[in-house]
PDB file of N, CA and C in Angstrom:
ATOM      1  N   MET A   1     101.705  87.739 111.461  1.00  0.00           N
ATOM      2  CA  MET A   1     102.966  87.312 112.035  1.00  0.00           C
ATOM      3  C   MET A   1     103.013  85.779 112.111  1.00  0.00           C
ATOM      4  N   GLU A   2     101.872  85.187 112.392  1.00  0.00           N
ATOM      5  CA  GLU A   2     101.848  83.726 112.479  1.00  0.00           C
ATOM      6  C   GLU A   2     102.239  83.090 111.146  1.00  0.00           C
ATOM      7  N   LYS A   3     101.716  83.630 110.064  1.00  0.00           N
ATOM      8  CA  LYS A   3     102.023  83.088 108.736  1.00  0.00           C
ATOM      9  C   LYS A   3     103.504  83.270 108.407  1.00  0.00           C
ATOM     10  N   LEU A   4     104.079  84.409 108.788  1.00  0.00           N
ATOM     11  CA  LEU A   4     105.503  84.636 108.549  1.00  0.00           C
ATOM     12  C   LEU A   4     106.348  83.623 109.318  1.00  0.00           C
ATOM     13  N   ARG A   5     105.949  83.327 110.545  1.00  0.00           N
ATOM     14  CA  ARG A   5     106.665  82.300 111.334  1.00  0.00           C
ATOM     15  C   ARG A   5     106.535  80.929 110.670  1.00  0.00           C
ATOM     16  N   GLU A   6     105.373  80.643 110.116  1.00  0.00           N
ATOM     17  CA  GLU A   6     105.178  79.362 109.423  1.00  0.00           C
ATOM     18  C   GLU A   6     106.119  79.244 108.225  1.00  0.00           C
ATOM     19  N   TYR A   7     106.267  80.331 107.478  1.00  0.00           N
ATOM     20  CA  TYR A   7     107.168  80.300 106.324  1.00  0.00           C
ATOM     21  C   TYR A   7     108.607  79.996 106.744  1.00  0.00           C
ATOM     22  N   THR A   8     109.095  80.670 107.782  1.00  0.00           N
ATOM     23  CA  THR A   8     110.473  80.412 108.206  1.00  0.00           C
ATOM     24  C   THR A   8     110.616  79.013 108.798  1.00  0.00           C
ATOM     25  N   ALA A   9     109.598  78.545 109.500  1.00  0.00           N
ATOM     26  CA  ALA A   9     109.640  77.186 110.051  1.00  0.00           C
ATOM     27  C   ALA A   9     109.686  76.148 108.936  1.00  0.00           C
ATOM     28  N   ALA A  10     109.113  76.485 107.784  1.00  0.00           N
ATOM     29  CA  ALA A  10     109.119  75.577 106.636  1.00  0.00           C
ATOM     30  C   ALA A  10     110.436  75.634 105.866  1.00  0.00           C
ATOM     31  N   GLY A  11     111.356  76.520 106.312  1.00  0.00           N
ATOM     32  CA  GLY A  11     112.666  76.578 105.685  1.00  0.00           C
ATOM     33  C   GLY A  11     112.823  77.675 104.639  1.00  0.00           C
ATOM     34  N   ILE A  12     111.821  78.528 104.495  1.00  0.00           N
ATOM     35  CA  ILE A  12     111.934  79.622 103.536  1.00  0.00           C
ATOM     36  C   ILE A  12     112.873  80.676 104.124  1.00  0.00           C
ATOM     37  N   VAL A  13     113.912  81.006 103.384  1.00  0.00           N
ATOM     38  CA  VAL A  13     114.967  81.885 103.884  1.00  0.00           C
ATOM     39  C   VAL A  13     114.602  83.359 103.738  1.00  0.00           C
ATOM     40  N   HIS A  14     114.032  83.730 102.615  1.00  0.00           N
ATOM     41  CA  HIS A  14     113.730  85.134 102.329  1.00  0.00           C
ATOM     42  C   HIS A  14     112.231  85.379 102.473  1.00  0.00           C
ATOM     43  N   VAL A  15     111.842  85.940 103.600  1.00  0.00           N
ATOM     44  CA  VAL A  15     110.433  86.236 103.859  1.00  0.00           C
ATOM     45  C   VAL A  15     110.286  87.748 103.918  1.00  0.00           C
ATOM     46  N   TRP A  16     109.596  88.303 102.922  1.00  0.00           N
ATOM     47  CA  TRP A  16     109.403  89.750 102.834  1.00  0.00           C
ATOM     48  C   TRP A  16     107.930  90.063 102.980  1.00  0.00           C
ATOM     49  N   LEU A  17     107.660  91.234 103.473  1.00  0.00           N
ATOM     50  CA  LEU A  17     106.302  91.754 103.525  1.00  0.00           C
ATOM     51  C   LEU A  17     106.317  93.095 102.816  1.00  0.00           C
ATOM     52  N   LEU A  18     105.505  93.232 101.787  1.00  0.00           N
ATOM     53  CA  LEU A  18     105.433  94.483 101.029  1.00  0.00           C
ATOM     54  C   LEU A  18     104.154  95.215 101.398  1.00  0.00           C
ATOM     55  N   ASP A  19     104.283  96.494 101.672  1.00  0.00           N
ATOM     56  CA  ASP A  19     103.150  97.356 101.976  1.00  0.00           C
ATOM     57  C   ASP A  19     103.007  98.338 100.821  1.00  0.00           C
ATOM     58  N   PRO A  20     102.200  97.990  99.800  1.00  0.00           N
ATOM     59  CA  PRO A  20     102.109  98.841  98.614  1.00  0.00           C
ATOM     60  C   PRO A  20     101.461 100.198  98.883  1.00  0.00           C
ATOM     61  N   ARG A  21     100.561 100.259  99.823  1.00  0.00           N
ATOM     62  CA  ARG A  21      99.897 101.531 100.112  1.00  0.00           C
ATOM     63  C   ARG A  21     100.898 102.562 100.618  1.00  0.00           C
ATOM     64  N   ASN A  22     101.785 102.141 101.525  1.00  0.00           N
ATOM     65  CA  ASN A  22     102.774 103.052 102.099  1.00  0.00           C
ATOM     66  C   ASN A  22     104.147 102.923 101.458  1.00  0.00           C
ATOM     67  N   LYS A  23     104.249 102.043 100.445  1.00  0.00           N
ATOM     68  CA  LYS A  23     105.502 101.807  99.720  1.00  0.00           C
ATOM     69  C   LYS A  23     106.650 101.482 100.672  1.00  0.00           C
ATOM     70  N   ARG A  24     106.409 100.479 101.497  1.00  0.00           N
ATOM     71  CA  ARG A  24     107.425 100.046 102.463  1.00  0.00           C
ATOM     72  C   ARG A  24     107.705  98.559 102.288  1.00  0.00           C
ATOM     73  N   LEU A  25     108.928  98.200 102.576  1.00  0.00           N
ATOM     74  CA  LEU A  25     109.401  96.831 102.444  1.00  0.00           C
ATOM     75  C   LEU A  25     109.892  96.374 103.810  1.00  0.00           C
ATOM     76  N   TYR A  26     109.445  95.195 104.206  1.00  0.00           N
ATOM     77  CA  TYR A  26     109.849  94.635 105.490  1.00  0.00           C
ATOM     78  C   TYR A  26     110.457  93.264 105.266  1.00  0.00           C
ATOM     79  N   PHE A  27     111.400  92.921 106.105  1.00  0.00           N
ATOM     80  CA  PHE A  27     112.022  91.606 106.077  1.00  0.00           C
ATOM     81  C   PHE A  27     111.738  90.924 107.396  1.00  0.00           C
ATOM     82  N   TYR A  28     111.383  89.640 107.338  1.00  0.00           N
ATOM     83  CA  TYR A  28     111.085  88.892 108.550  1.00  0.00           C
ATOM     84  C   TYR A  28     112.202  87.894 108.819  1.00  0.00           C
ATOM     85  N   GLN A  29     112.775  88.011 109.998  1.00  0.00           N
ATOM     86  CA  GLN A  29     113.742  87.031 110.506  1.00  0.00           C
ATOM     87  C   GLN A  29     113.779  87.225 112.013  1.00  0.00           C
ATOM     88  N   ASP A  30     113.107  86.363 112.731  1.00  0.00           N
ATOM     89  CA  ASP A  30     112.958  86.505 114.186  1.00  0.00           C
ATOM     90  C   ASP A  30     112.332  87.848 114.547  1.00  0.00           C
ATOM     91  N   GLY A  31     111.468  88.344 113.721  1.00  0.00           N
ATOM     92  CA  GLY A  31     110.808  89.623 113.921  1.00  0.00           C
ATOM     93  C   GLY A  31     110.735  90.366 112.596  1.00  0.00           C
ATOM     94  N   LEU A  32     109.891  91.355 112.555  1.00  0.00           N
ATOM     95  CA  LEU A  32     109.678  92.125 111.339  1.00  0.00           C
ATOM     96  C   LEU A  32     110.417  93.443 111.444  1.00  0.00           C
ATOM     97  N   ARG A  33     111.212  93.758 110.403  1.00  0.00           N
ATOM     98  CA  ARG A  33     111.923  95.039 110.419  1.00  0.00           C
ATOM     99  C   ARG A  33     111.847  95.670 109.034  1.00  0.00           C
ATOM    100  N   GLU A  34     111.682  96.982 109.044  1.00  0.00           N
ATOM    101  CA  GLU A  34     111.610  97.709 107.783  1.00  0.00           C
ATOM    102  C   GLU A  34     113.004  97.835 107.190  1.00  0.00           C
ATOM    103  N   VAL A  35     113.108  97.627 105.891  1.00  0.00           N
ATOM    104  CA  VAL A  35     114.384  97.737 105.180  1.00  0.00           C
ATOM    105  C   VAL A  35     114.174  98.554 103.910  1.00  0.00           C
ATOM    106  N   GLN A  36     115.234  99.150 103.410  1.00  0.00           N
ATOM    107  CA  GLN A  36     115.183  99.883 102.142  1.00  0.00           C
ATOM    108  C   GLN A  36     115.487  98.965 100.972  1.00  0.00           C
ATOM    109  N   GLY A  37     116.153  97.880 101.262  1.00  0.00           N
ATOM    110  CA  GLY A  37     116.503  96.897 100.245  1.00  0.00           C
ATOM    111  C   GLY A  37     116.971  95.637 100.931  1.00  0.00           C
ATOM    112  N   TYR A  38     117.045  94.568 100.174  1.00  0.00           N
ATOM    113  CA  TYR A  38     117.497  93.314 100.755  1.00  0.00           C
ATOM    114  C   TYR A  38     118.261  92.513  99.721  1.00  0.00           C
ATOM    115  N   PRO A  39     119.493  92.116 100.033  1.00  0.00           N
ATOM    116  CA  PRO A  39     120.279  91.323  99.078  1.00  0.00           C
ATOM    117  C   PRO A  39     119.785  89.872  99.017  1.00  0.00           C
ATOM    118  N   VAL A  40     119.820  89.330  97.825  1.00  0.00           N
ATOM    119  CA  VAL A  40     119.502  87.916  97.609  1.00  0.00           C
ATOM    120  C   VAL A  40     120.725  87.297  96.943  1.00  0.00           C
ATOM    121  N   PRO A  41     121.693  86.850  97.762  1.00  0.00           N
ATOM    122  CA  PRO A  41     122.963  86.363  97.208  1.00  0.00           C
ATOM    123  C   PRO A  41     122.794  85.184  96.244  1.00  0.00           C
ATOM    124  N   GLU A  42     121.810  84.336  96.490  1.00  0.00           N
ATOM    125  CA  GLU A  42     121.602  83.172  95.616  1.00  0.00           C
ATOM    126  C   GLU A  42     121.270  83.593  94.190  1.00  0.00           C
ATOM    127  N   LEU A  43     120.706  84.779  94.035  1.00  0.00           N
ATOM    128  CA  LEU A  43     120.356  85.278  92.705  1.00  0.00           C
ATOM    129  C   LEU A  43     121.268  86.408  92.249  1.00  0.00           C
ATOM    130  N   ALA A  44     122.278  86.714  93.050  1.00  0.00           N
ATOM    131  CA  ALA A  44     123.218  87.798  92.754  1.00  0.00           C
ATOM    132  C   ALA A  44     122.475  89.099  92.459  1.00  0.00           C
ATOM    133  N   MET A  45     121.535  89.445  93.333  1.00  0.00           N
ATOM    134  CA  MET A  45     120.752  90.657  93.138  1.00  0.00           C
ATOM    135  C   MET A  45     120.370  91.270  94.478  1.00  0.00           C
ATOM    136  N   GLU A  46     119.887  92.481  94.417  1.00  0.00           N
ATOM    137  CA  GLU A  46     119.315  93.123  95.590  1.00  0.00           C
ATOM    138  C   GLU A  46     117.998  93.761  95.181  1.00  0.00           C
ATOM    139  N   ALA A  47     116.975  93.483  95.946  1.00  0.00           N
ATOM    140  CA  ALA A  47     115.667  94.099  95.709  1.00  0.00           C
ATOM    141  C   ALA A  47     115.566  95.323  96.595  1.00  0.00           C
ATOM    142  N   SER A  48     115.161  96.426  96.024  1.00  0.00           N
ATOM    143  CA  SER A  48     115.002  97.652  96.820  1.00  0.00           C
ATOM    144  C   SER A  48     113.540  98.071  96.801  1.00  0.00           C
ATOM    145  N   ALA A  49     113.128  98.809  97.814  1.00  0.00           N
ATOM    146  CA  ALA A  49     111.765  99.308  97.884  1.00  0.00           C
ATOM    147  C   ALA A  49     111.468 100.153  96.651  1.00  0.00           C
ATOM    148  N   GLY A  50     112.414 100.971  96.236  1.00  0.00           N
ATOM    149  CA  GLY A  50     112.228 101.812  95.054  1.00  0.00           C
ATOM    150  C   GLY A  50     111.960 100.993  93.808  1.00  0.00           C
ATOM    151  N   ASP A  51     112.716  99.918  93.623  1.00  0.00           N
ATOM    152  CA  ASP A  51     112.522  99.053  92.452  1.00  0.00           C
ATOM    153  C   ASP A  51     111.154  98.382  92.480  1.00  0.00           C
ATOM    154  N   LEU A  52     110.732  97.972  93.645  1.00  0.00           N
ATOM    155  CA  LEU A  52     109.483  97.215  93.759  1.00  0.00           C
ATOM    156  C   LEU A  52     108.245  98.084  93.596  1.00  0.00           C
ATOM    157  N   PHE A  53     108.338  99.353  93.964  1.00  0.00           N
ATOM    158  CA  PHE A  53     107.152 100.197  93.962  1.00  0.00           C
ATOM    159  C   PHE A  53     107.128 101.230  92.833  1.00  0.00           C
ATOM    160  N   ASP A  54     108.158 101.310  92.027  1.00  0.00           N
ATOM    161  CA  ASP A  54     108.158 102.264  90.914  1.00  0.00           C
ATOM    162  C   ASP A  54     107.527 101.663  89.682  1.00  0.00           C
TER     163      ASP A  54
END
């Protein structure tokens, strides 16, 4: 969690945590929350757990 806070403090907007063993995707923004996908508007795309782990 400390490292995730460091990333956001450094100005990184998209901080994700991938759990390959359990095939779960988490997004960090003032806390860690599990998500099924996350939009990245700057790249006009959305990353989904299914895409990342298949």
